[in-house]
Amino acid sequence: MNANRLRTKKGTFRPVRGDTKVSTIEKRYDVDLGVRSDMKLSNFFKQKGYPSLSRMLRDIK
């Protein structure tokens, strides 16, 4: 898994924007999410029930 996510000044990870396309996440983290690549990430999270990107990546990998 690629650990190049941005951090805030406090050291926590910056949240990923909900309007990010699934294709961007698939390319960045080398995963296949099994949905259309033009789907918004926020809609994917709602559909699959994931609260965050890190939880989704942990469950998929």
PDB file of N, CA and C in Angstrom:
ATOM      1  N   MET A   1       0.853  -1.177   0.000  1.00  0.00           N
ATOM      2  CA  MET A   1       0.000   0.000   0.000  1.00  0.00           C
ATOM      3  C   MET A   1       0.898   1.238   0.000  1.00  0.00           C
ATOM      4  N   ASN A   2       0.490   2.202  -0.745  1.00  0.00           N
ATOM      5  CA  ASN A   2       1.238   3.448  -0.865  1.00  0.00           C
ATOM      6  C   ASN A   2       0.912   4.350   0.330  1.00  0.00           C
ATOM      7  N   ALA A   3       1.924   4.804   1.039  1.00  0.00           N
ATOM      8  CA  ALA A   3       1.707   5.614   2.236  1.00  0.00           C
ATOM      9  C   ALA A   3       1.997   7.087   1.977  1.00  0.00           C
ATOM     10  N   ASN A   4       1.661   7.584   0.800  1.00  0.00           N
ATOM     11  CA  ASN A   4       1.965   8.964   0.450  1.00  0.00           C
ATOM     12  C   ASN A   4       0.805   9.913   0.710  1.00  0.00           C
ATOM     13  N   ARG A   5      -0.093   9.601   1.625  1.00  0.00           N
ATOM     14  CA  ARG A   5      -1.188  10.500   1.929  1.00  0.00           C
ATOM     15  C   ARG A   5      -0.665  11.692   2.699  1.00  0.00           C
ATOM     16  N   LEU A   6      -1.269  12.833   2.457  1.00  0.00           N
ATOM     17  CA  LEU A   6      -0.835  14.062   3.111  1.00  0.00           C
ATOM     18  C   LEU A   6      -1.247  14.082   4.573  1.00  0.00           C
ATOM     19  N   ARG A   7      -0.437  14.715   5.376  1.00  0.00           N
ATOM     20  CA  ARG A   7      -0.737  14.849   6.798  1.00  0.00           C
ATOM     21  C   ARG A   7      -0.978  16.322   7.124  1.00  0.00           C
ATOM     22  N   THR A   8      -1.768  16.556   8.161  1.00  0.00           N
ATOM     23  CA  THR A   8      -2.008  17.909   8.632  1.00  0.00           C
ATOM     24  C   THR A   8      -0.853  18.323   9.541  1.00  0.00           C
ATOM     25  N   LYS A   9      -0.872  19.555  10.031  1.00  0.00           N
ATOM     26  CA  LYS A   9       0.185  20.022  10.935  1.00  0.00           C
ATOM     27  C   LYS A   9       0.192  19.234  12.245  1.00  0.00           C
ATOM     28  N   LYS A  10      -0.965  18.690  12.630  1.00  0.00           N
ATOM     29  CA  LYS A  10      -1.047  17.888  13.852  1.00  0.00           C
ATOM     30  C   LYS A  10      -0.514  16.473  13.654  1.00  0.00           C
ATOM     31  N   GLY A  11      -0.276  16.092  12.396  1.00  0.00           N
ATOM     32  CA  GLY A  11       0.268  14.768  12.118  1.00  0.00           C
ATOM     33  C   GLY A  11      -0.778  13.748  11.705  1.00  0.00           C
ATOM     34  N   THR A  12      -2.044  14.128  11.735  1.00  0.00           N
ATOM     35  CA  THR A  12      -3.086  13.200  11.301  1.00  0.00           C
ATOM     36  C   THR A  12      -3.237  13.265   9.791  1.00  0.00           C
ATOM     37  N   PHE A  13      -3.804  12.219   9.215  1.00  0.00           N
ATOM     38  CA  PHE A  13      -4.001  12.200   7.771  1.00  0.00           C
ATOM     39  C   PHE A  13      -5.086  13.177   7.360  1.00  0.00           C
ATOM     40  N   ARG A  14      -4.849  13.836   6.231  1.00  0.00           N
ATOM     41  CA  ARG A  14      -5.840  14.742   5.653  1.00  0.00           C
ATOM     42  C   ARG A  14      -6.941  13.890   5.034  1.00  0.00           C
ATOM     43  N   PRO A  15      -8.213  14.225   5.275  1.00  0.00           N
ATOM     44  CA  PRO A  15      -9.302  13.438   4.683  1.00  0.00           C
ATOM     45  C   PRO A  15      -9.291  13.542   3.159  1.00  0.00           C
ATOM     46  N   VAL A  16      -9.700  12.461   2.509  1.00  0.00           N
ATOM     47  CA  VAL A  16      -9.807  12.450   1.056  1.00  0.00           C
ATOM     48  C   VAL A  16     -11.132  13.084   0.684  1.00  0.00           C
ATOM     49  N   ARG A  17     -11.121  13.929  -0.341  1.00  0.00           N
ATOM     50  CA  ARG A  17     -12.346  14.596  -0.773  1.00  0.00           C
ATOM     51  C   ARG A  17     -13.344  13.584  -1.302  1.00  0.00           C
ATOM     52  N   GLY A  18     -14.601  13.813  -1.030  1.00  0.00           N
ATOM     53  CA  GLY A  18     -15.659  12.910  -1.470  1.00  0.00           C
ATOM     54  C   GLY A  18     -15.897  12.929  -2.953  1.00  0.00           C
ATOM     55  N   ASP A  19     -15.519  14.011  -3.639  1.00  0.00           N
ATOM     56  CA  ASP A  19     -15.748  14.067  -5.076  1.00  0.00           C
ATOM     57  C   ASP A  19     -14.579  13.497  -5.879  1.00  0.00           C
ATOM     58  N   THR A  20     -13.649  12.829  -5.214  1.00  0.00           N
ATOM     59  CA  THR A  20     -12.561  12.141  -5.883  1.00  0.00           C
ATOM     60  C   THR A  20     -13.136  10.950  -6.644  1.00  0.00           C
ATOM     61  N   LYS A  21     -12.663  10.712  -7.845  1.00  0.00           N
ATOM     62  CA  LYS A  21     -13.132   9.588  -8.644  1.00  0.00           C
ATOM     63  C   LYS A  21     -12.499   8.283  -8.149  1.00  0.00           C
ATOM     64  N   VAL A  22     -13.257   7.211  -8.240  1.00  0.00           N
ATOM     65  CA  VAL A  22     -12.773   5.893  -7.834  1.00  0.00           C
ATOM     66  C   VAL A  22     -11.530   5.511  -8.635  1.00  0.00           C
ATOM     67  N   SER A  23     -11.465   5.904  -9.900  1.00  0.00           N
ATOM     68  CA  SER A  23     -10.310   5.559 -10.731  1.00  0.00           C
ATOM     69  C   SER A  23      -9.011   6.124 -10.153  1.00  0.00           C
ATOM     70  N   THR A  24      -9.079   7.292  -9.548  1.00  0.00           N
ATOM     71  CA  THR A  24      -7.897   7.902  -8.935  1.00  0.00           C
ATOM     72  C   THR A  24      -7.390   7.043  -7.783  1.00  0.00           C
ATOM     73  N   ILE A  25      -8.299   6.568  -6.947  1.00  0.00           N
ATOM     74  CA  ILE A  25      -7.927   5.719  -5.811  1.00  0.00           C
ATOM     75  C   ILE A  25      -7.400   4.371  -6.307  1.00  0.00           C
ATOM     76  N   GLU A  26      -8.038   3.812  -7.341  1.00  0.00           N
ATOM     77  CA  GLU A  26      -7.588   2.532  -7.884  1.00  0.00           C
ATOM     78  C   GLU A  26      -6.165   2.633  -8.421  1.00  0.00           C
ATOM     79  N   LYS A  27      -5.849   3.725  -9.104  1.00  0.00           N
ATOM     80  CA  LYS A  27      -4.494   3.910  -9.638  1.00  0.00           C
ATOM     81  C   LYS A  27      -3.485   4.157  -8.524  1.00  0.00           C
ATOM     82  N   ARG A  28      -3.839   5.021  -7.586  1.00  0.00           N
ATOM     83  CA  ARG A  28      -2.895   5.405  -6.531  1.00  0.00           C
ATOM     84  C   ARG A  28      -2.545   4.232  -5.616  1.00  0.00           C
ATOM     85  N   TYR A  29      -3.525   3.408  -5.262  1.00  0.00           N
ATOM     86  CA  TYR A  29      -3.302   2.329  -4.308  1.00  0.00           C
ATOM     87  C   TYR A  29      -3.254   0.950  -4.957  1.00  0.00           C
ATOM     88  N   ASP A  30      -3.300   0.896  -6.306  1.00  0.00           N
ATOM     89  CA  ASP A  30      -3.196  -0.348  -7.064  1.00  0.00           C
ATOM     90  C   ASP A  30      -4.205  -1.393  -6.565  1.00  0.00           C
ATOM     91  N   VAL A  31      -5.475  -1.004  -6.553  1.00  0.00           N
ATOM     92  CA  VAL A  31      -6.566  -1.896  -6.159  1.00  0.00           C
ATOM     93  C   VAL A  31      -7.657  -1.852  -7.226  1.00  0.00           C
ATOM     94  N   ASP A  32      -8.485  -2.887  -7.270  1.00  0.00           N
ATOM     95  CA  ASP A  32      -9.647  -2.905  -8.146  1.00  0.00           C
ATOM     96  C   ASP A  32     -10.870  -2.938  -7.246  1.00  0.00           C
ATOM     97  N   LEU A  33     -11.654  -1.872  -7.258  1.00  0.00           N
ATOM     98  CA  LEU A  33     -12.804  -1.764  -6.366  1.00  0.00           C
ATOM     99  C   LEU A  33     -14.065  -2.382  -6.956  1.00  0.00           C
ATOM    100  N   GLY A  34     -14.029  -2.776  -8.216  1.00  0.00           N
ATOM    101  CA  GLY A  34     -15.141  -3.482  -8.824  1.00  0.00           C
ATOM    102  C   GLY A  34     -16.355  -2.629  -9.127  1.00  0.00           C
ATOM    103  N   VAL A  35     -16.176  -1.330  -9.281  1.00  0.00           N
ATOM    104  CA  VAL A  35     -17.268  -0.423  -9.644  1.00  0.00           C
ATOM    105  C   VAL A  35     -16.801   0.441 -10.804  1.00  0.00           C
ATOM    106  N   ARG A  36     -17.727   1.215 -11.355  1.00  0.00           N
ATOM    107  CA  ARG A  36     -17.366   2.107 -12.463  1.00  0.00           C
ATOM    108  C   ARG A  36     -16.294   3.089 -12.008  1.00  0.00           C
ATOM    109  N   SER A  37     -15.364   3.360 -12.891  1.00  0.00           N
ATOM    110  CA  SER A  37     -14.241   4.220 -12.528  1.00  0.00           C
ATOM    111  C   SER A  37     -14.625   5.684 -12.385  1.00  0.00           C
ATOM    112  N   ASP A  38     -15.773   6.087 -12.942  1.00  0.00           N
ATOM    113  CA  ASP A  38     -16.181   7.491 -12.827  1.00  0.00           C
ATOM    114  C   ASP A  38     -17.089   7.748 -11.618  1.00  0.00           C
ATOM    115  N   MET A  39     -17.269   6.742 -10.764  1.00  0.00           N
ATOM    116  CA  MET A  39     -18.081   6.911  -9.553  1.00  0.00           C
ATOM    117  C   MET A  39     -17.340   7.788  -8.549  1.00  0.00           C
ATOM    118  N   LYS A  40     -18.066   8.628  -7.842  1.00  0.00           N
ATOM    119  CA  LYS A  40     -17.455   9.453  -6.800  1.00  0.00           C
ATOM    120  C   LYS A  40     -17.146   8.584  -5.585  1.00  0.00           C
ATOM    121  N   LEU A  41     -16.076   8.902  -4.911  1.00  0.00           N
ATOM    122  CA  LEU A  41     -15.647   8.130  -3.754  1.00  0.00           C
ATOM    123  C   LEU A  41     -16.682   8.183  -2.631  1.00  0.00           C
ATOM    124  N   SER A  42     -17.323   9.325  -2.426  1.00  0.00           N
ATOM    125  CA  SER A  42     -18.336   9.428  -1.374  1.00  0.00           C
ATOM    126  C   SER A  42     -19.515   8.496  -1.644  1.00  0.00           C
ATOM    127  N   ASN A  43     -19.916   8.364  -2.906  1.00  0.00           N
ATOM    128  CA  ASN A  43     -21.008   7.444  -3.248  1.00  0.00           C
ATOM    129  C   ASN A  43     -20.586   5.995  -3.042  1.00  0.00           C
ATOM    130  N   PHE A  44     -19.338   5.689  -3.358  1.00  0.00           N
ATOM    131  CA  PHE A  44     -18.818   4.339  -3.134  1.00  0.00           C
ATOM    132  C   PHE A  44     -18.841   3.997  -1.646  1.00  0.00           C
ATOM    133  N   PHE A  45     -18.397   4.937  -0.812  1.00  0.00           N
ATOM    134  CA  PHE A  45     -18.402   4.704   0.633  1.00  0.00           C
ATOM    135  C   PHE A  45     -19.816   4.452   1.150  1.00  0.00           C
ATOM    136  N   LYS A  46     -20.787   5.228   0.680  1.00  0.00           N
ATOM    137  CA  LYS A  46     -22.173   5.044   1.107  1.00  0.00           C
ATOM    138  C   LYS A  46     -22.700   3.691   0.657  1.00  0.00           C
ATOM    139  N   GLN A  47     -22.395   3.310  -0.571  1.00  0.00           N
ATOM    140  CA  GLN A  47     -22.891   2.065  -1.139  1.00  0.00           C
ATOM    141  C   GLN A  47     -22.310   0.853  -0.412  1.00  0.00           C
ATOM    142  N   LYS A  48     -21.038   0.898  -0.106  1.00  0.00           N
ATOM    143  CA  LYS A  48     -20.353  -0.235   0.514  1.00  0.00           C
ATOM    144  C   LYS A  48     -20.305  -0.160   2.033  1.00  0.00           C
ATOM    145  N   GLY A  49     -20.633   0.992   2.606  1.00  0.00           N
ATOM    146  CA  GLY A  49     -20.671   1.126   4.058  1.00  0.00           C
ATOM    147  C   GLY A  49     -19.326   1.387   4.705  1.00  0.00           C
ATOM    148  N   TYR A  50     -18.382   1.945   3.991  1.00  0.00           N
ATOM    149  CA  TYR A  50     -17.075   2.258   4.565  1.00  0.00           C
ATOM    150  C   TYR A  50     -17.085   3.663   5.156  1.00  0.00           C
ATOM    151  N   PRO A  51     -16.532   3.836   6.361  1.00  0.00           N
ATOM    152  CA  PRO A  51     -16.487   5.164   6.966  1.00  0.00           C
ATOM    153  C   PRO A  51     -15.307   6.010   6.482  1.00  0.00           C
ATOM    154  N   SER A  52     -14.250   5.349   5.963  1.00  0.00           N
ATOM    155  CA  SER A  52     -13.054   6.099   5.573  1.00  0.00           C
ATOM    156  C   SER A  52     -12.240   5.326   4.547  1.00  0.00           C
ATOM    157  N   LEU A  53     -11.302   6.028   3.923  1.00  0.00           N
ATOM    158  CA  LEU A  53     -10.419   5.402   2.944  1.00  0.00           C
ATOM    159  C   LEU A  53      -9.511   4.374   3.611  1.00  0.00           C
ATOM    160  N   SER A  54      -8.989   4.686   4.764  1.00  0.00           N
ATOM    161  CA  SER A  54      -8.074   3.758   5.426  1.00  0.00           C
ATOM    162  C   SER A  54      -8.776   2.459   5.805  1.00  0.00           C
ATOM    163  N   ARG A  55     -10.018   2.535   6.261  1.00  0.00           N
ATOM    164  CA  ARG A  55     -10.777   1.325   6.601  1.00  0.00           C
ATOM    165  C   ARG A  55     -11.036   0.492   5.348  1.00  0.00           C
ATOM    166  N   MET A  56     -11.383   1.167   4.237  1.00  0.00           N
ATOM    167  CA  MET A  56     -11.640   0.464   2.997  1.00  0.00           C
ATOM    168  C   MET A  56     -10.381  -0.241   2.512  1.00  0.00           C
ATOM    169  N   LEU A  57      -9.255   0.445   2.518  1.00  0.00           N
ATOM    170  CA  LEU A  57      -8.005  -0.165   2.064  1.00  0.00           C
ATOM    171  C   LEU A  57      -7.595  -1.323   2.955  1.00  0.00           C
ATOM    172  N   ARG A  58      -7.815  -1.211   4.237  1.00  0.00           N
ATOM    173  CA  ARG A  58      -7.486  -2.285   5.169  1.00  0.00           C
ATOM    174  C   ARG A  58      -8.327  -3.531   4.885  1.00  0.00           C
ATOM    175  N   ASP A  59      -9.613  -3.338   4.578  1.00  0.00           N
ATOM    176  CA  ASP A  59     -10.513  -4.462   4.322  1.00  0.00           C
ATOM    177  C   ASP A  59     -10.256  -5.105   2.962  1.00  0.00           C
ATOM    178  N   ILE A  60      -9.845  -4.310   1.983  1.00  0.00           N
ATOM    179  CA  ILE A  60      -9.642  -4.816   0.632  1.00  0.00           C
ATOM    180  C   ILE A  60      -8.309  -5.565   0.502  1.00  0.00           C
ATOM    181  N   LYS A  61      -7.284  -5.046   1.108  1.00  0.00           N
ATOM    182  CA  LYS A  61      -5.939  -5.658   0.943  1.00  0.00           C
ATOM    183  C   LYS A  61      -5.732  -6.818   1.844  1.00  0.00           C
TER     184      LYS A  61
END
